[in-house]
Amino acid sequence: PYDWRLSLYHTDHMRRLHLLVERHHPIVIAHSMGGLVVQEYFRLHPQNMIYKFYAVGTPFKGVGGNLLKGFIKGYNMENPYLSLDVSKAIIRNSYSSYWLL
């Protein structure tokens, strides 16, 4: 599984994904950021051996909206236990947030 707090360039993830693909030539079904991870894998390994790839809800063109709002003033989905300041810090410190813009 992909840890959304890490960069898409996280080398350990890409190494493990490449080993999996080399051994099994899988059908990959990816959701959201997972689709961006696979897109990055294709860029790094143009000779890829993924049999088929299905992306579900993957923001290939970014998401904007609430994420951008989160960068500016925080966005906590109206969760009373998460302050706007804390949510803003989480968004600004998560590599995946930058990939989704």
Protein backbone atom coordinates (compact mmCIF):
# COMPACT_ATOMS: atom_id res chain seq x y z
CA PRO A 1 0.00 0.00 0.00
CA TYR A 2 1.03 3.58 -0.68
CA ASP A 3 1.57 5.98 2.22
CA TRP A 4 -0.02 9.23 1.03
CA ARG A 5 2.27 11.27 3.28
CA LEU A 6 5.28 10.33 1.15
CA SER A 7 6.42 11.70 -2.17
CA LEU A 8 5.51 9.88 -5.36
CA TYR A 9 9.26 9.69 -5.88
CA HIS A 10 9.74 7.61 -2.71
CA THR A 11 12.36 5.14 -3.96
CA ASP A 12 11.43 2.25 -1.69
CA HIS A 13 7.86 2.30 -2.98
CA MET A 14 8.96 2.39 -6.60
CA ARG A 15 11.50 -0.39 -6.03
CA ARG A 16 8.91 -2.66 -4.42
CA LEU A 17 6.37 -1.88 -7.14
CA HIS A 18 8.93 -2.65 -9.83
CA LEU A 19 9.82 -6.00 -8.25
CA LEU A 20 6.14 -6.91 -8.06
CA VAL A 21 5.52 -5.93 -11.68
CA GLU A 22 8.60 -7.79 -12.96
CA ARG A 23 7.57 -11.00 -11.21
CA HIS A 24 3.83 -11.04 -11.81
CA HIS A 25 2.90 -8.77 -14.77
CA PRO A 26 -0.22 -7.75 -12.81
CA ILE A 27 -3.52 -6.17 -13.59
CA VAL A 28 -3.38 -2.98 -11.50
CA ILE A 29 -6.49 -1.25 -10.19
CA ALA A 30 -5.54 2.02 -8.52
CA HIS A 31 -7.65 4.55 -6.69
CA SER A 32 -6.91 8.26 -6.24
CA MET A 33 -3.21 8.81 -5.41
CA GLY A 34 -2.51 5.19 -6.32
CA GLY A 35 -3.17 6.09 -9.94
CA LEU A 36 -0.61 8.88 -9.70
CA VAL A 37 1.90 6.41 -8.24
CA VAL A 38 1.36 4.10 -11.23
CA GLN A 39 1.63 7.06 -13.62
CA GLU A 40 5.00 7.90 -12.05
CA TYR A 41 6.01 4.24 -12.35
CA PHE A 42 5.22 4.35 -16.09
CA ARG A 43 7.40 7.45 -16.42
CA LEU A 44 10.31 5.77 -14.62
CA HIS A 45 9.87 2.41 -16.37
CA PRO A 46 8.62 3.00 -19.92
CA GLN A 47 9.22 -0.69 -20.68
CA ASN A 48 6.67 -1.54 -17.97
CA MET A 49 5.23 -5.02 -17.74
CA ILE A 50 1.88 -4.15 -16.21
CA TYR A 51 -0.68 -6.29 -18.01
CA LYS A 52 -3.57 -3.84 -17.58
CA PHE A 53 -4.08 -0.64 -15.63
CA TYR A 54 -7.37 0.75 -14.38
CA ALA A 55 -7.51 4.11 -12.62
CA VAL A 56 -10.53 4.89 -10.45
CA GLY A 57 -11.03 8.44 -9.21
CA THR A 58 -7.44 9.42 -10.00
CA PRO A 59 -6.90 13.19 -10.19
CA PHE A 60 -4.59 13.21 -13.23
CA LYS A 61 -5.28 16.94 -13.67
CA GLY A 62 -5.16 17.84 -9.96
CA VAL A 63 -8.00 18.58 -7.56
CA GLY A 64 -7.78 22.24 -6.45
CA GLY A 65 -10.89 23.39 -4.57
CA ASN A 66 -10.87 22.28 -0.94
CA LEU A 67 -7.19 21.39 -1.09
CA LEU A 68 -6.31 24.93 -2.13
CA LYS A 69 -8.58 26.24 0.60
CA GLY A 70 -6.70 23.98 3.03
CA PHE A 71 -3.35 25.52 2.07
CA ILE A 72 -4.65 29.02 2.69
CA LYS A 73 -6.79 28.77 5.81
CA GLY A 74 -7.15 25.08 6.66
CA TYR A 75 -9.88 22.59 5.82
CA ASN A 76 -11.16 20.12 8.37
CA MET A 77 -14.36 18.85 6.68
CA GLU A 78 -16.26 20.41 9.60
CA ASN A 79 -14.64 17.99 12.05
CA PRO A 80 -14.91 19.64 15.50
CA TYR A 81 -11.88 17.69 16.77
CA LEU A 82 -9.50 19.03 14.12
CA SER A 83 -8.63 22.72 14.21
CA LEU A 84 -8.15 24.65 10.99
CA ASP A 85 -4.56 25.44 11.99
CA VAL A 86 -3.72 21.77 12.51
CA SER A 87 -5.41 20.76 9.25
CA LYS A 88 -3.49 23.49 7.40
CA ALA A 89 -0.21 22.19 8.86
CA ILE A 90 -1.05 18.61 7.84
CA ILE A 91 -1.93 19.66 4.29
CA ARG A 92 1.17 21.82 3.90
CA ASN A 93 3.46 19.05 5.20
CA SER A 94 2.06 16.18 3.11
CA TYR A 95 3.91 15.54 -0.15
CA SER A 96 0.73 14.22 -1.72
CA SER A 97 -0.99 17.60 -1.31
CA TYR A 98 1.46 19.17 -3.75
CA TRP A 99 0.91 16.40 -6.32
CA LEU A 100 -2.84 16.98 -6.19
CA LEU A 101 -2.69 20.70 -7.04
